[in-house]
Structure formats: structure tokens, C-alpha cells
């Protein structure tokens, strides 16, 4: 529950949601793209730190996924139903920005 900090979002995912963790490194292209088409239901920012998310840090005692700043994006999709995307901030990433807003419809592959 700490990752999304919202019990209604957790309930919408059911008892056994699928999880995918994608990490952007400083040398990477810093954009994510929609995995499937859908409508943005909510976008909830959660304040936090900007610890590094390198593989060593992820295995440390600091839970960077629940302590770092993040934005929880709830998407209603025709392909998998409700999906939650969590963008997690990190060292050298001073902000989390989106090109979409609540209520927008996104196409598969759209950034």
C-alpha cells in the first residue's frame, strides 16, 4: 500500500495485480510511453525524496520506490481493465512531468 498510498486504487486492481518495474538510468531516453490505449482517470502526486534508483540502491535498506517522490496514474484500458502506472523520481531527476492530464485519452505508444 505504500507505493500508491490510496486504498481505493489498490482495491481496483484486485487481489493479485501484475507488476512491472521499468527503470530509467541517467543515460536513457527519459520518457515513458503508454503500454495500451486508455483514459487517464486520476494523477496523484506523492511527495518524497529523490534517492538514486540504481540497482545497488534498490537492494539497500532504503525502499526508494516508496520513499521517493512519485505520481500515481490510474488508467482505464480496454485491453487489461484498470491499470496503475507509478512514475518514481530519482537523483538527477528534479521533477516528474506528463504530456497528458486527467480525463485525456491516450493511444498505445503515446508519451
Protein backbone atom coordinates (compact mmCIF):
# COMPACT_ATOMS: atom_id res chain seq x y z
CA UNK A 1 0.00 0.00 0.00
CA UNK A 2 2.92 2.39 0.46
CA UNK A 3 3.69 2.62 -3.25
CA UNK A 4 0.35 4.17 -4.24
CA UNK A 5 -0.87 5.35 -0.78
CA UNK A 6 -4.51 5.02 -1.85
CA UNK A 7 -6.64 2.07 -0.75
CA UNK A 8 -9.34 2.63 -3.40
CA UNK A 9 -6.72 2.43 -6.16
CA UNK A 10 -5.35 -0.78 -4.65
CA UNK A 11 -8.84 -2.27 -4.43
CA UNK A 12 -9.49 -1.50 -8.11
CA UNK A 13 -6.53 -3.71 -9.04
CA UNK A 14 -7.87 -6.83 -7.34
CA UNK A 15 -6.05 -9.29 -5.09
CA UNK A 16 -3.25 -10.32 -7.48
CA UNK A 17 -2.28 -7.39 -9.71
CA UNK A 18 0.56 -7.74 -12.19
CA UNK A 19 3.61 -5.55 -11.58
CA UNK A 20 6.24 -4.28 -13.99
CA UNK A 21 9.19 -2.16 -12.85
CA UNK A 22 10.93 -0.09 -15.52
CA UNK A 23 13.99 1.92 -14.55
CA UNK A 24 15.37 4.92 -16.42
CA UNK A 25 19.11 5.48 -15.98
CA UNK A 26 20.76 8.90 -16.48
CA UNK A 27 21.97 7.91 -19.96
CA UNK A 28 18.49 6.73 -21.06
CA UNK A 29 15.79 8.41 -23.07
CA UNK A 30 13.67 9.91 -20.29
CA UNK A 31 10.13 9.31 -21.49
CA UNK A 32 7.63 6.56 -20.87
CA UNK A 33 5.02 5.51 -23.41
CA UNK A 34 1.54 4.10 -22.81
CA UNK A 35 1.55 0.29 -22.91
CA UNK A 36 -2.01 0.29 -24.27
CA UNK A 37 -4.77 2.76 -25.09
CA UNK A 38 -6.90 4.11 -22.26
CA UNK A 39 -8.39 7.04 -20.39
CA UNK A 40 -6.48 8.81 -17.61
CA UNK A 41 -8.74 8.54 -14.54
CA UNK A 42 -6.51 10.18 -11.94
CA UNK A 43 -3.00 11.54 -11.45
CA UNK A 44 -1.95 11.78 -7.80
CA UNK A 45 1.42 13.28 -6.83
CA UNK A 46 3.07 11.91 -3.68
CA UNK A 47 5.85 13.96 -2.09
CA UNK A 48 9.11 12.26 -1.20
CA UNK A 49 12.86 12.15 -1.59
CA UNK A 50 14.95 11.86 -4.75
CA UNK A 51 17.20 8.93 -3.81
CA UNK A 52 19.08 7.14 -6.57
CA UNK A 53 17.28 4.16 -8.13
CA UNK A 54 20.38 2.37 -9.37
CA UNK A 55 20.34 -1.43 -8.85
CA UNK A 56 22.53 -1.25 -5.72
CA UNK A 57 20.19 1.29 -4.09
CA UNK A 58 17.12 -0.75 -4.96
CA UNK A 59 18.61 -3.66 -2.99
CA UNK A 60 19.52 -1.44 0.01
CA UNK A 61 17.56 -0.89 3.22
CA UNK A 62 16.02 2.29 1.76
CA UNK A 63 12.86 1.48 -0.19
CA UNK A 64 13.33 4.01 -2.98
CA UNK A 65 10.00 3.07 -4.60
CA UNK A 66 8.03 4.12 -1.52
CA UNK A 67 10.26 6.92 -0.19
CA UNK A 68 10.94 8.80 -3.44
CA UNK A 69 8.61 11.40 -4.93
CA UNK A 70 6.20 9.80 -7.37
CA UNK A 71 2.98 10.27 -9.31
CA UNK A 72 0.32 7.55 -9.32
CA UNK A 73 -1.59 7.49 -12.62
CA UNK A 74 -4.76 5.41 -12.81
CA UNK A 75 -5.75 4.43 -16.36
CA UNK A 76 -8.90 2.63 -17.54
CA UNK A 77 -7.93 0.48 -20.53
CA UNK A 78 -9.93 -1.71 -22.92
CA UNK A 79 -7.10 -4.29 -23.06
CA UNK A 80 -6.49 -5.01 -19.34
CA UNK A 81 -9.07 -3.01 -17.39
CA UNK A 82 -7.78 -0.70 -14.67
CA UNK A 83 -4.04 -0.14 -14.76
CA UNK A 84 -1.93 1.93 -12.39
CA UNK A 85 1.31 3.50 -13.56
CA UNK A 86 3.64 4.89 -10.90
CA UNK A 87 6.33 7.32 -12.06
CA UNK A 88 9.08 7.44 -9.43
CA UNK A 89 11.52 10.35 -9.22
CA UNK A 90 15.23 9.84 -8.62
CA UNK A 91 18.57 11.58 -8.15
CA UNK A 92 19.32 13.90 -11.09
CA UNK A 93 15.62 13.93 -11.97
CA UNK A 94 14.26 17.09 -10.41
CA UNK A 95 10.65 16.66 -11.49
CA UNK A 96 8.06 14.30 -12.92
CA UNK A 97 6.17 15.83 -15.83
CA UNK A 98 3.44 14.48 -18.08
CA UNK A 99 2.20 15.42 -21.54
CA UNK A 100 -1.34 14.29 -20.59
CA UNK A 101 -3.82 15.23 -17.86
CA UNK A 102 -6.78 13.65 -16.06
CA UNK A 103 -9.60 12.91 -18.48
CA UNK A 104 -7.34 12.60 -21.52
CA UNK A 105 -7.42 9.51 -23.71
CA UNK A 106 -4.06 8.06 -24.72
CA UNK A 107 -3.15 5.82 -27.64
CA UNK A 108 -0.87 2.82 -27.23
CA UNK A 109 2.71 4.04 -27.56
CA UNK A 110 1.85 7.68 -26.81
CA UNK A 111 4.21 9.54 -24.44
